[in-house]
Amino acid sequence: MNQSYPPFELGKSRFDQSTFWGRFRHFLDVVDPRTLFISDQKLRESKQLLHEYKTGAASADVTDQSLWEAQKIVQAIIHPDTGEKILMPFRMSGFVPFGTPIVSACNMCTTHTHTHT
């Protein structure tokens, strides 16, 4: 799938939020489980790149794609109010991989108790 990267806007969504398709793509971007595997080094680099962009110190050869990806990483891992890392199970991207086994186990327990009374 060819991904286009519009001009970067700090703190904004990469996708058009006035359309259903844009909001859907934004949601998929937010829950992307690949962000669970981002190293601490990559997180530091992403934070640094965004800081440089914000202060006007980013080099001219920085691409919109690298800025959008850095923002996605930081928004997926860092709490917006505290600035601290969010534990993996509590991130939006961790909802499916961490929540599914718990919900499945609860459903199996509920089903088992209701069918064997």
PDB file of N, CA and C in Angstrom:
ATOM      1  N   MET A   1       0.833  -1.169   0.000  1.00  0.00           N
ATOM      2  CA  MET A   1       0.000   0.000   0.000  1.00  0.00           C
ATOM      3  C   MET A   1       0.885   1.242   0.000  1.00  0.00           C
ATOM      4  N   ASN A   2       0.677   2.118  -0.938  1.00  0.00           N
ATOM      5  CA  ASN A   2       1.460   3.330  -1.046  1.00  0.00           C
ATOM      6  C   ASN A   2       0.979   4.335  -0.010  1.00  0.00           C
ATOM      7  N   GLN A   3       1.872   4.737   0.865  1.00  0.00           N
ATOM      8  CA  GLN A   3       1.499   5.684   1.903  1.00  0.00           C
ATOM      9  C   GLN A   3       1.999   7.071   1.524  1.00  0.00           C
ATOM     10  N   SER A   4       1.098   8.027   1.527  1.00  0.00           N
ATOM     11  CA  SER A   4       1.506   9.394   1.238  1.00  0.00           C
ATOM     12  C   SER A   4       1.669  10.146   2.560  1.00  0.00           C
ATOM     13  N   TYR A   5       2.583  11.080   2.530  1.00  0.00           N
ATOM     14  CA  TYR A   5       2.860  11.880   3.712  1.00  0.00           C
ATOM     15  C   TYR A   5       2.653  13.350   3.368  1.00  0.00           C
ATOM     16  N   PRO A   6       1.590  13.955   3.907  1.00  0.00           N
ATOM     17  CA  PRO A   6       1.354  15.381   3.658  1.00  0.00           C
ATOM     18  C   PRO A   6       2.403  16.215   4.402  1.00  0.00           C
ATOM     19  N   PRO A   7       2.433  17.499   4.147  1.00  0.00           N
ATOM     20  CA  PRO A   7       3.348  18.355   4.911  1.00  0.00           C
ATOM     21  C   PRO A   7       3.105  18.180   6.416  1.00  0.00           C
ATOM     22  N   PHE A   8       4.185  18.090   7.155  1.00  0.00           N
ATOM     23  CA  PHE A   8       4.098  17.801   8.591  1.00  0.00           C
ATOM     24  C   PHE A   8       3.502  18.972   9.360  1.00  0.00           C
ATOM     25  N   GLU A   9       2.604  18.637  10.306  1.00  0.00           N
ATOM     26  CA  GLU A   9       2.047  19.616  11.238  1.00  0.00           C
ATOM     27  C   GLU A   9       2.153  19.022  12.635  1.00  0.00           C
ATOM     28  N   LEU A  10       2.954  19.633  13.465  1.00  0.00           N
ATOM     29  CA  LEU A  10       3.192  19.140  14.816  1.00  0.00           C
ATOM     30  C   LEU A  10       1.893  19.080  15.610  1.00  0.00           C
ATOM     31  N   GLY A  11       1.614  17.920  16.199  1.00  0.00           N
ATOM     32  CA  GLY A  11       0.425  17.748  17.026  1.00  0.00           C
ATOM     33  C   GLY A  11      -0.855  17.472  16.259  1.00  0.00           C
ATOM     34  N   LYS A  12      -0.794  17.443  14.957  1.00  0.00           N
ATOM     35  CA  LYS A  12      -1.985  17.191  14.136  1.00  0.00           C
ATOM     36  C   LYS A  12      -1.973  15.754  13.636  1.00  0.00           C
ATOM     37  N   SER A  13      -3.111  15.324  13.104  1.00  0.00           N
ATOM     38  CA  SER A  13      -3.203  13.996  12.512  1.00  0.00           C
ATOM     39  C   SER A  13      -2.706  14.049  11.073  1.00  0.00           C
ATOM     40  N   ARG A  14      -2.075  12.992  10.650  1.00  0.00           N
ATOM     41  CA  ARG A  14      -1.608  12.881   9.273  1.00  0.00           C
ATOM     42  C   ARG A  14      -2.769  12.711   8.304  1.00  0.00           C
ATOM     43  N   PHE A  15      -3.895  12.274   8.805  1.00  0.00           N
ATOM     44  CA  PHE A  15      -5.046  11.949   7.970  1.00  0.00           C
ATOM     45  C   PHE A  15      -6.161  12.974   8.144  1.00  0.00           C
ATOM     46  N   ASP A  16      -6.932  13.177   7.106  1.00  0.00           N
ATOM     47  CA  ASP A  16      -8.028  14.145   7.086  1.00  0.00           C
ATOM     48  C   ASP A  16      -9.126  13.705   8.057  1.00  0.00           C
ATOM     49  N   GLN A  17      -9.291  14.454   9.137  1.00  0.00           N
ATOM     50  CA  GLN A  17     -10.259  14.092  10.161  1.00  0.00           C
ATOM     51  C   GLN A  17     -11.685  14.502   9.825  1.00  0.00           C
ATOM     52  N   SER A  18     -11.882  15.135   8.681  1.00  0.00           N
ATOM     53  CA  SER A  18     -13.235  15.525   8.275  1.00  0.00           C
ATOM     54  C   SER A  18     -13.947  14.416   7.504  1.00  0.00           C
ATOM     55  N   THR A  19     -13.239  13.312   7.226  1.00  0.00           N
ATOM     56  CA  THR A  19     -13.860  12.195   6.499  1.00  0.00           C
ATOM     57  C   THR A  19     -13.810  10.934   7.359  1.00  0.00           C
ATOM     58  N   PHE A  20     -14.750  10.044   7.104  1.00  0.00           N
ATOM     59  CA  PHE A  20     -14.744   8.768   7.816  1.00  0.00           C
ATOM     60  C   PHE A  20     -13.452   8.026   7.543  1.00  0.00           C
ATOM     61  N   TRP A  21     -13.041   7.955   6.270  1.00  0.00           N
ATOM     62  CA  TRP A  21     -11.846   7.203   5.884  1.00  0.00           C
ATOM     63  C   TRP A  21     -10.608   7.772   6.583  1.00  0.00           C
ATOM     64  N   GLY A  22     -10.516   9.090   6.681  1.00  0.00           N
ATOM     65  CA  GLY A  22      -9.389   9.710   7.362  1.00  0.00           C
ATOM     66  C   GLY A  22      -9.370   9.391   8.849  1.00  0.00           C
ATOM     67  N   ARG A  23     -10.536   9.432   9.477  1.00  0.00           N
ATOM     68  CA  ARG A  23     -10.619   9.085  10.908  1.00  0.00           C
ATOM     69  C   ARG A  23     -10.311   7.615  11.131  1.00  0.00           C
ATOM     70  N   PHE A  24     -10.767   6.750  10.212  1.00  0.00           N
ATOM     71  CA  PHE A  24     -10.488   5.316  10.316  1.00  0.00           C
ATOM     72  C   PHE A  24      -8.983   5.053  10.188  1.00  0.00           C
ATOM     73  N   ARG A  25      -8.341   5.678   9.222  1.00  0.00           N
ATOM     74  CA  ARG A  25      -6.901   5.499   9.030  1.00  0.00           C
ATOM     75  C   ARG A  25      -6.126   6.038  10.236  1.00  0.00           C
ATOM     76  N   HIS A  26      -6.596   7.134  10.814  1.00  0.00           N
ATOM     77  CA  HIS A  26      -5.953   7.673  12.016  1.00  0.00           C
ATOM     78  C   HIS A  26      -6.056   6.661  13.161  1.00  0.00           C
ATOM     79  N   PHE A  27      -7.241   6.068  13.334  1.00  0.00           N
ATOM     80  CA  PHE A  27      -7.432   5.070  14.391  1.00  0.00           C
ATOM     81  C   PHE A  27      -6.498   3.879  14.184  1.00  0.00           C
ATOM     82  N   LEU A  28      -6.399   3.403  12.927  1.00  0.00           N
ATOM     83  CA  LEU A  28      -5.502   2.282  12.651  1.00  0.00           C
ATOM     84  C   LEU A  28      -4.057   2.649  12.969  1.00  0.00           C
ATOM     85  N   ASP A  29      -3.689   3.880  12.703  1.00  0.00           N
ATOM     86  CA  ASP A  29      -2.347   4.351  13.004  1.00  0.00           C
ATOM     87  C   ASP A  29      -2.107   4.377  14.514  1.00  0.00           C
ATOM     88  N   VAL A  30      -3.099   4.786  15.269  1.00  0.00           N
ATOM     89  CA  VAL A  30      -2.977   4.883  16.731  1.00  0.00           C
ATOM     90  C   VAL A  30      -2.851   3.500  17.371  1.00  0.00           C
ATOM     91  N   VAL A  31      -3.573   2.515  16.869  1.00  0.00           N
ATOM     92  CA  VAL A  31      -3.559   1.181  17.485  1.00  0.00           C
ATOM     93  C   VAL A  31      -2.546   0.243  16.831  1.00  0.00           C
ATOM     94  N   ASP A  32      -1.664   0.752  16.020  1.00  0.00           N
ATOM     95  CA  ASP A  32      -0.653  -0.054  15.324  1.00  0.00           C
ATOM     96  C   ASP A  32       0.235  -0.781  16.341  1.00  0.00           C
ATOM     97  N   PRO A  33       0.136  -2.125  16.426  1.00  0.00           N
ATOM     98  CA  PRO A  33       0.907  -2.850  17.435  1.00  0.00           C
ATOM     99  C   PRO A  33       2.415  -2.838  17.196  1.00  0.00           C
ATOM    100  N   ARG A  34       2.857  -2.416  16.022  1.00  0.00           N
ATOM    101  CA  ARG A  34       4.304  -2.347  15.771  1.00  0.00           C
ATOM    102  C   ARG A  34       4.977  -1.333  16.702  1.00  0.00           C
ATOM    103  N   THR A  35       4.210  -0.375  17.206  1.00  0.00           N
ATOM    104  CA  THR A  35       4.812   0.618  18.115  1.00  0.00           C
ATOM    105  C   THR A  35       5.184   0.001  19.470  1.00  0.00           C
ATOM    106  N   LEU A  36       4.703  -1.199  19.741  1.00  0.00           N
ATOM    107  CA  LEU A  36       5.082  -1.881  20.981  1.00  0.00           C
ATOM    108  C   LEU A  36       6.536  -2.346  20.940  1.00  0.00           C
ATOM    109  N   PHE A  37       7.112  -2.433  19.755  1.00  0.00           N
ATOM    110  CA  PHE A  37       8.465  -2.970  19.592  1.00  0.00           C
ATOM    111  C   PHE A  37       9.511  -1.883  19.333  1.00  0.00           C
ATOM    112  N   ILE A  38       9.166  -0.636  19.587  1.00  0.00           N
ATOM    113  CA  ILE A  38      10.088   0.483  19.392  1.00  0.00           C
ATOM    114  C   ILE A  38      11.119   0.480  20.524  1.00  0.00           C
ATOM    115  N   SER A  39      12.385   0.566  20.167  1.00  0.00           N
ATOM    116  CA  SER A  39      13.449   0.569  21.181  1.00  0.00           C
ATOM    117  C   SER A  39      13.510   1.927  21.888  1.00  0.00           C
ATOM    118  N   ASP A  40      14.143   1.932  23.055  1.00  0.00           N
ATOM    119  CA  ASP A  40      14.331   3.183  23.788  1.00  0.00           C
ATOM    120  C   ASP A  40      15.166   4.164  22.969  1.00  0.00           C
ATOM    121  N   GLN A  41      16.143   3.641  22.237  1.00  0.00           N
ATOM    122  CA  GLN A  41      16.993   4.485  21.391  1.00  0.00           C
ATOM    123  C   GLN A  41      16.158   5.173  20.305  1.00  0.00           C
ATOM    124  N   LYS A  42      15.286   4.414  19.648  1.00  0.00           N
ATOM    125  CA  LYS A  42      14.432   4.980  18.592  1.00  0.00           C
ATOM    126  C   LYS A  42      13.481   6.019  19.186  1.00  0.00           C
ATOM    127  N   LEU A  43      12.964   5.761  20.381  1.00  0.00           N
ATOM    128  CA  LEU A  43      12.093   6.725  21.053  1.00  0.00           C
ATOM    129  C   LEU A  43      12.855   8.024  21.340  1.00  0.00           C
ATOM    130  N   ARG A  44      14.081   7.901  21.854  1.00  0.00           N
ATOM    131  CA  ARG A  44      14.898   9.094  22.120  1.00  0.00           C
ATOM    132  C   ARG A  44      15.165   9.876  20.835  1.00  0.00           C
ATOM    133  N   GLU A  45      15.488   9.168  19.760  1.00  0.00           N
ATOM    134  CA  GLU A  45      15.744   9.823  18.471  1.00  0.00           C
ATOM    135  C   GLU A  45      14.491  10.544  17.968  1.00  0.00           C
ATOM    136  N   SER A  46      13.344   9.916  18.125  1.00  0.00           N
ATOM    137  CA  SER A  46      12.082  10.520  17.686  1.00  0.00           C
ATOM    138  C   SER A  46      11.772  11.769  18.489  1.00  0.00           C
ATOM    139  N   LYS A  47      11.947  11.695  19.806  1.00  0.00           N
ATOM    140  CA  LYS A  47      11.717  12.866  20.660  1.00  0.00           C
ATOM    141  C   LYS A  47      12.668  13.997  20.288  1.00  0.00           C
ATOM    142  N   GLN A  48      13.922  13.650  20.026  1.00  0.00           N
ATOM    143  CA  GLN A  48      14.921  14.656  19.664  1.00  0.00           C
ATOM    144  C   GLN A  48      14.569  15.317  18.333  1.00  0.00           C
ATOM    145  N   LEU A  49      14.153  14.519  17.351  1.00  0.00           N
ATOM    146  CA  LEU A  49      13.781  15.063  16.042  1.00  0.00           C
ATOM    147  C   LEU A  49      12.611  16.032  16.163  1.00  0.00           C
ATOM    148  N   LEU A  50      11.605  15.668  16.940  1.00  0.00           N
ATOM    149  CA  LEU A  50      10.455  16.555  17.132  1.00  0.00           C
ATOM    150  C   LEU A  50      10.849  17.831  17.888  1.00  0.00           C
ATOM    151  N   HIS A  51      11.740  17.693  18.863  1.00  0.00           N
ATOM    152  CA  HIS A  51      12.224  18.867  19.593  1.00  0.00           C
ATOM    153  C   HIS A  51      12.975  19.801  18.650  1.00  0.00           C
ATOM    154  N   GLU A  52      13.824  19.232  17.806  1.00  0.00           N
ATOM    155  CA  GLU A  52      14.565  20.049  16.833  1.00  0.00           C
ATOM    156  C   GLU A  52      13.615  20.741  15.868  1.00  0.00           C
ATOM    157  N   TYR A  53      12.592  20.029  15.430  1.00  0.00           N
ATOM    158  CA  TYR A  53      11.613  20.632  14.523  1.00  0.00           C
ATOM    159  C   TYR A  53      10.897  21.792  15.221  1.00  0.00           C
ATOM    160  N   LYS A  54      10.489  21.555  16.453  1.00  0.00           N
ATOM    161  CA  LYS A  54       9.737  22.564  17.208  1.00  0.00           C
ATOM    162  C   LYS A  54      10.560  23.830  17.445  1.00  0.00           C
ATOM    163  N   THR A  55      11.857  23.650  17.679  1.00  0.00           N
ATOM    164  CA  THR A  55      12.726  24.799  17.947  1.00  0.00           C
ATOM    165  C   THR A  55      13.343  25.381  16.683  1.00  0.00           C
ATOM    166  N   GLY A  56      13.050  24.771  15.541  1.00  0.00           N
ATOM    167  CA  GLY A  56      13.589  25.275  14.277  1.00  0.00           C
ATOM    168  C   GLY A  56      15.015  24.839  14.006  1.00  0.00           C
ATOM    169  N   ALA A  57      15.504  23.854  14.755  1.00  0.00           N
ATOM    170  CA  ALA A  57      16.886  23.401  14.603  1.00  0.00           C
ATOM    171  C   ALA A  57      17.014  22.160  13.731  1.00  0.00           C
ATOM    172  N   ALA A  58      15.896  21.652  13.187  1.00  0.00           N
ATOM    173  CA  ALA A  58      15.949  20.445  12.353  1.00  0.00           C
ATOM    174  C   ALA A  58      16.660  20.760  11.046  1.00  0.00           C
ATOM    175  N   SER A  59      17.449  19.815  10.566  1.00  0.00           N
ATOM    176  CA  SER A  59      18.158  20.032   9.307  1.00  0.00           C
ATOM    177  C   SER A  59      17.173  20.089   8.147  1.00  0.00           C
ATOM    178  N   ALA A  60      17.584  20.721   7.079  1.00  0.00           N
ATOM    179  CA  ALA A  60      16.710  20.931   5.916  1.00  0.00           C
ATOM    180  C   ALA A  60      16.370  19.635   5.198  1.00  0.00           C
ATOM    181  N   ASP A  61      17.186  18.606   5.389  1.00  0.00           N
ATOM    182  CA  ASP A  61      16.930  17.348   4.674  1.00  0.00           C
ATOM    183  C   ASP A  61      16.000  16.395   5.430  1.00  0.00           C
ATOM    184  N   VAL A  62      15.435  16.823   6.556  1.00  0.00           N
ATOM    185  CA  VAL A  62      14.466  16.007   7.296  1.00  0.00           C
ATOM    186  C   VAL A  62      13.179  15.936   6.475  1.00  0.00           C
ATOM    187  N   THR A  63      12.687  14.731   6.267  1.00  0.00           N
ATOM    188  CA  THR A  63      11.494  14.544   5.433  1.00  0.00           C
ATOM    189  C   THR A  63      10.218  14.598   6.264  1.00  0.00           C
ATOM    190  N   ASP A  64       9.120  14.886   5.575  1.00  0.00           N
ATOM    191  CA  ASP A  64       7.813  14.845   6.241  1.00  0.00           C
ATOM    192  C   ASP A  64       7.551  13.445   6.779  1.00  0.00           C
ATOM    193  N   GLN A  65       7.944  12.439   6.017  1.00  0.00           N
ATOM    194  CA  GLN A  65       7.735  11.054   6.453  1.00  0.00           C
ATOM    195  C   GLN A  65       8.434  10.783   7.787  1.00  0.00           C
ATOM    196  N   SER A  66       9.685  11.209   7.927  1.00  0.00           N
ATOM    197  CA  SER A  66      10.405  10.950   9.173  1.00  0.00           C
ATOM    198  C   SER A  66       9.778  11.720  10.340  1.00  0.00           C
ATOM    199  N   LEU A  67       9.263  12.913  10.077  1.00  0.00           N
ATOM    200  CA  LEU A  67       8.597  13.682  11.134  1.00  0.00           C
ATOM    201  C   LEU A  67       7.279  13.040  11.550  1.00  0.00           C
ATOM    202  N   TRP A  68       6.477  12.593  10.573  1.00  0.00           N
ATOM    203  CA  TRP A  68       5.206  11.928  10.906  1.00  0.00           C
ATOM    204  C   TRP A  68       5.466  10.644  11.688  1.00  0.00           C
ATOM    205  N   GLU A  69       6.489   9.875  11.276  1.00  0.00           N
ATOM    206  CA  GLU A  69       6.784   8.621  11.976  1.00  0.00           C
ATOM    207  C   GLU A  69       7.298   8.888  13.387  1.00  0.00           C
ATOM    208  N   ALA A  70       8.108   9.931  13.548  1.00  0.00           N
ATOM    209  CA  ALA A  70       8.597  10.282  14.888  1.00  0.00           C
ATOM    210  C   ALA A  70       7.438  10.687  15.786  1.00  0.00           C
ATOM    211  N   GLN A  71       6.510  11.470  15.246  1.00  0.00           N
ATOM    212  CA  GLN A  71       5.354  11.885  16.044  1.00  0.00           C
ATOM    213  C   GLN A  71       4.493  10.685  16.417  1.00  0.00           C
ATOM    214  N   LYS A  72       4.314   9.749  15.494  1.00  0.00           N
ATOM    215  CA  LYS A  72       3.524   8.546  15.788  1.00  0.00           C
ATOM    216  C   LYS A  72       4.160   7.763  16.939  1.00  0.00           C
ATOM    217  N   ILE A  73       5.461   7.617  16.914  1.00  0.00           N
ATOM    218  CA  ILE A  73       6.175   6.879  17.959  1.00  0.00           C
ATOM    219  C   ILE A  73       6.008   7.568  19.314  1.00  0.00           C
ATOM    220  N   VAL A  74       6.246   8.859  19.342  1.00  0.00           N
ATOM    221  CA  VAL A  74       6.155   9.600  20.603  1.00  0.00           C
ATOM    222  C   VAL A  74       4.727   9.586  21.133  1.00  0.00           C
ATOM    223  N   GLN A  75       3.748   9.810  20.268  1.00  0.00           N
ATOM    224  CA  GLN A  75       2.359   9.816  20.728  1.00  0.00           C
ATOM    225  C   GLN A  75       1.902   8.435  21.187  1.00  0.00           C
ATOM    226  N   ALA A  76       2.467   7.377  20.631  1.00  0.00           N
ATOM    227  CA  ALA A  76       2.074   6.020  21.012  1.00  0.00           C
ATOM    228  C   ALA A  76       2.665   5.590  22.349  1.00  0.00           C
ATOM    229  N   ILE A  77       3.806   6.178  22.730  1.00  0.00           N
ATOM    230  CA  ILE A  77       4.531   5.682  23.896  1.00  0.00           C
ATOM    231  C   ILE A  77       4.523   6.650  25.075  1.00  0.00           C
ATOM    232  N   ILE A  78       4.522   7.938  24.812  1.00  0.00           N
ATOM    233  CA  ILE A  78       4.653   8.944  25.870  1.00  0.00           C
ATOM    234  C   ILE A  78       3.285   9.512  26.245  1.00  0.00           C
ATOM    235  N   HIS A  79       3.004   9.558  27.547  1.00  0.00           N
ATOM    236  CA  HIS A  79       1.741  10.130  28.023  1.00  0.00           C
ATOM    237  C   HIS A  79       1.758  11.635  27.769  1.00  0.00           C
ATOM    238  N   PRO A  80       0.697  12.183  27.166  1.00  0.00           N
ATOM    239  CA  PRO A  80       0.715  13.607  26.813  1.00  0.00           C
ATOM    240  C   PRO A  80       0.728  14.558  28.007  1.00  0.00           C
ATOM    241  N   ASP A  81       0.217  14.131  29.148  1.00  0.00           N
ATOM    242  CA  ASP A  81       0.167  15.016  30.320  1.00  0.00           C
ATOM    243  C   ASP A  81       1.408  14.901  31.200  1.00  0.00           C
ATOM    244  N   THR A  82       1.857  13.669  31.423  1.00  0.00           N
ATOM    245  CA  THR A  82       2.978  13.466  32.344  1.00  0.00           C
ATOM    246  C   THR A  82       4.334  13.444  31.640  1.00  0.00           C
ATOM    247  N   GLY A  83       4.346  13.125  30.346  1.00  0.00           N
ATOM    248  CA  GLY A  83       5.605  13.018  29.615  1.00  0.00           C
ATOM    249  C   GLY A  83       6.353  11.734  29.910  1.00  0.00           C
ATOM    250  N   GLU A  84       5.720  10.811  30.612  1.00  0.00           N
ATOM    251  CA  GLU A  84       6.361   9.538  30.955  1.00  0.00           C
ATOM    252  C   GLU A  84       5.900   8.437  30.017  1.00  0.00           C
ATOM    253  N   LYS A  85       6.728   7.372  29.946  1.00  0.00           N
ATOM    254  CA  LYS A  85       6.371   6.232  29.110  1.00  0.00           C
ATOM    255  C   LYS A  85       5.136   5.536  29.679  1.00  0.00           C
ATOM    256  N   ILE A  86       4.256   5.134  28.782  1.00  0.00           N
ATOM    257  CA  ILE A  86       3.075   4.364  29.171  1.00  0.00           C
ATOM    258  C   ILE A  86       3.460   2.888  29.110  1.00  0.00           C
ATOM    259  N   LEU A  87       3.119   2.129  30.131  1.00  0.00           N
ATOM    260  CA  LEU A  87       3.401   0.694  30.125  1.00  0.00           C
ATOM    261  C   LEU A  87       2.695   0.039  28.941  1.00  0.00           C
ATOM    262  N   MET A  88       3.334  -0.931  28.330  1.00  0.00           N
ATOM    263  CA  MET A  88       2.808  -1.534  27.101  1.00  0.00           C
ATOM    264  C   MET A  88       1.355  -2.002  27.175  1.00  0.00           C
ATOM    265  N   PRO A  89       0.927  -2.686  28.230  1.00  0.00           N
ATOM    266  CA  PRO A  89      -0.460  -3.144  28.236  1.00  0.00           C
ATOM    267  C   PRO A  89      -1.493  -2.018  28.247  1.00  0.00           C
ATOM    268  N   PHE A  90      -1.072  -0.814  28.634  1.00  0.00           N
ATOM    269  CA  PHE A  90      -2.013   0.300  28.758  1.00  0.00           C
ATOM    270  C   PHE A  90      -1.977   1.267  27.575  1.00  0.00           C
ATOM    271  N   ARG A  91      -1.141   0.978  26.593  1.00  0.00           N
ATOM    272  CA  ARG A  91      -1.095   1.803  25.387  1.00  0.00           C
ATOM    273  C   ARG A  91      -2.234   1.393  24.464  1.00  0.00           C
ATOM    274  N   MET A  92      -2.665   2.317  23.618  1.00  0.00           N
ATOM    275  CA  MET A  92      -3.707   1.984  22.633  1.00  0.00           C
ATOM    276  C   MET A  92      -3.242   0.835  21.740  1.00  0.00           C
ATOM    277  N   SER A  93      -1.965   0.827  21.389  1.00  0.00           N
ATOM    278  CA  SER A  93      -1.439  -0.226  20.527  1.00  0.00           C
ATOM    279  C   SER A  93      -1.373  -1.572  21.244  1.00  0.00           C
ATOM    280  N   GLY A  94      -1.468  -1.577  22.567  1.00  0.00           N
ATOM    281  CA  GLY A  94      -1.443  -2.822  23.327  1.00  0.00           C
ATOM    282  C   GLY A  94      -2.818  -3.377  23.624  1.00  0.00           C
ATOM    283  N   PHE A  95      -3.846  -2.662  23.202  1.00  0.00           N
ATOM    284  CA  PHE A  95      -5.212  -3.076  23.520  1.00  0.00           C
ATOM    285  C   PHE A  95      -5.528  -4.489  23.012  1.00  0.00           C
ATOM    286  N   VAL A  96      -5.254  -4.757  21.749  1.00  0.00           N
ATOM    287  CA  VAL A  96      -5.589  -6.071  21.184  1.00  0.00           C
ATOM    288  C   VAL A  96      -4.653  -7.161  21.689  1.00  0.00           C
ATOM    289  N   PRO A  97      -3.318  -6.994  21.580  1.00  0.00           N
ATOM    290  CA  PRO A  97      -2.464  -8.109  22.009  1.00  0.00           C
ATOM    291  C   PRO A  97      -2.528  -8.424  23.503  1.00  0.00           C
ATOM    292  N   PHE A  98      -2.750  -7.415  24.338  1.00  0.00           N
ATOM    293  CA  PHE A  98      -2.812  -7.673  25.780  1.00  0.00           C
ATOM    294  C   PHE A  98      -4.233  -7.915  26.267  1.00  0.00           C
ATOM    295  N   GLY A  99      -5.210  -7.298  25.634  1.00  0.00           N
ATOM    296  CA  GLY A  99      -6.590  -7.420  26.081  1.00  0.00           C
ATOM    297  C   GLY A  99      -7.301  -8.676  25.614  1.00  0.00           C
ATOM    298  N   THR A 100      -6.956  -9.146  24.425  1.00  0.00           N
ATOM    299  CA  THR A 100      -7.651 -10.311  23.867  1.00  0.00           C
ATOM    300  C   THR A 100      -7.541 -11.548  24.757  1.00  0.00           C
ATOM    301  N   PRO A 101      -6.360 -11.916  25.237  1.00  0.00           N
ATOM    302  CA  PRO A 101      -6.294 -13.102  26.112  1.00  0.00           C
ATOM    303  C   PRO A 101      -7.123 -12.941  27.392  1.00  0.00           C
ATOM    304  N   ILE A 102      -7.133 -11.738  27.946  1.00  0.00           N
ATOM    305  CA  ILE A 102      -7.897 -11.502  29.177  1.00  0.00           C
ATOM    306  C   ILE A 102      -9.395 -11.629  28.913  1.00  0.00           C
ATOM    307  N   VAL A 103      -9.868 -10.975  27.848  1.00  0.00           N
ATOM    308  CA  VAL A 103     -11.291 -11.038  27.505  1.00  0.00           C
ATOM    309  C   VAL A 103     -11.682 -12.463  27.148  1.00  0.00           C
ATOM    310  N   SER A 104     -10.834 -13.158  26.409  1.00  0.00           N
ATOM    311  CA  SER A 104     -11.131 -14.548  26.036  1.00  0.00           C
ATOM    312  C   SER A 104     -11.244 -15.430  27.269  1.00  0.00           C
ATOM    313  N   ALA A 105     -10.326 -15.254  28.213  1.00  0.00           N
ATOM    314  CA  ALA A 105     -10.368 -16.048  29.447  1.00  0.00           C
ATOM    315  C   ALA A 105     -11.636 -15.756  30.238  1.00  0.00           C
ATOM    316  N   CYS A 106     -12.006 -14.473  30.316  1.00  0.00           N
ATOM    317  CA  CYS A 106     -13.238 -14.106  31.035  1.00  0.00           C
ATOM    318  C   CYS A 106     -14.466 -14.713  30.362  1.00  0.00           C
ATOM    319  N   ASN A 107     -14.481 -14.677  29.034  1.00  0.00           N
ATOM    320  CA  ASN A 107     -15.606 -15.258  28.303  1.00  0.00           C
ATOM    321  C   ASN A 107     -15.683 -16.766  28.501  1.00  0.00           C
ATOM    322  N   MET A 108     -14.534 -17.432  28.511  1.00  0.00           N
ATOM    323  CA  MET A 108     -14.536 -18.877  28.713  1.00  0.00           C
ATOM    324  C   MET A 108     -15.014 -19.226  30.125  1.00  0.00           C
ATOM    325  N   CYS A 109     -14.599 -18.433  31.102  1.00  0.00           N
ATOM    326  CA  CYS A 109     -15.066 -18.682  32.484  1.00  0.00           C
ATOM    327  C   CYS A 109     -16.564 -18.460  32.595  1.00  0.00           C
ATOM    328  N   THR A 110     -17.060 -17.402  31.990  1.00  0.00           N
ATOM    329  CA  THR A 110     -18.482 -17.092  32.029  1.00  0.00           C
ATOM    330  C   THR A 110     -19.278 -18.162  31.311  1.00  0.00           C
ATOM    331  N   THR A 111     -18.814 -18.560  30.153  1.00  0.00           N
ATOM    332  CA  THR A 111     -19.494 -19.606  29.385  1.00  0.00           C
ATOM    333  C   THR A 111     -19.487 -20.919  30.151  1.00  0.00           C
ATOM    334  N   HIS A 112     -18.367 -21.237  30.755  1.00  0.00           N
ATOM    335  CA  HIS A 112     -18.252 -22.496  31.488  1.00  0.00           C
ATOM    336  C   HIS A 112     -19.203 -22.509  32.699  1.00  0.00           C
ATOM    337  N   THR A 113     -19.308 -21.433  33.433  1.00  0.00           N
ATOM    338  CA  THR A 113     -20.166 -21.420  34.606  1.00  0.00           C
ATOM    339  C   THR A 113     -21.635 -21.424  34.244  1.00  0.00           C
ATOM    340  N   HIS A 114     -21.989 -20.863  33.091  1.00  0.00           N
ATOM    341  CA  HIS A 114     -23.394 -20.823  32.692  1.00  0.00           C
ATOM    342  C   HIS A 114     -23.846 -22.126  32.036  1.00  0.00           C
ATOM    343  N   THR A 115     -22.943 -22.891  31.479  1.00  0.00           N
ATOM    344  CA  THR A 115     -23.337 -24.126  30.801  1.00  0.00           C
ATOM    345  C   THR A 115     -23.204 -25.345  31.694  1.00  0.00           C
ATOM    346  N   HIS A 116     -22.523 -25.209  32.812  1.00  0.00           N
ATOM    347  CA  HIS A 116     -22.331 -26.339  33.713  1.00  0.00           C
ATOM    348  C   HIS A 116     -22.911 -26.033  35.097  1.00  0.00           C
ATOM    349  N   THR A 117     -24.189 -25.760  35.166  1.00  0.00           N
ATOM    350  CA  THR A 117     -24.798 -25.469  36.453  1.00  0.00           C
ATOM    351  C   THR A 117     -25.612 -26.636  36.974  1.00  0.00           C
TER     352      THR A 117
END
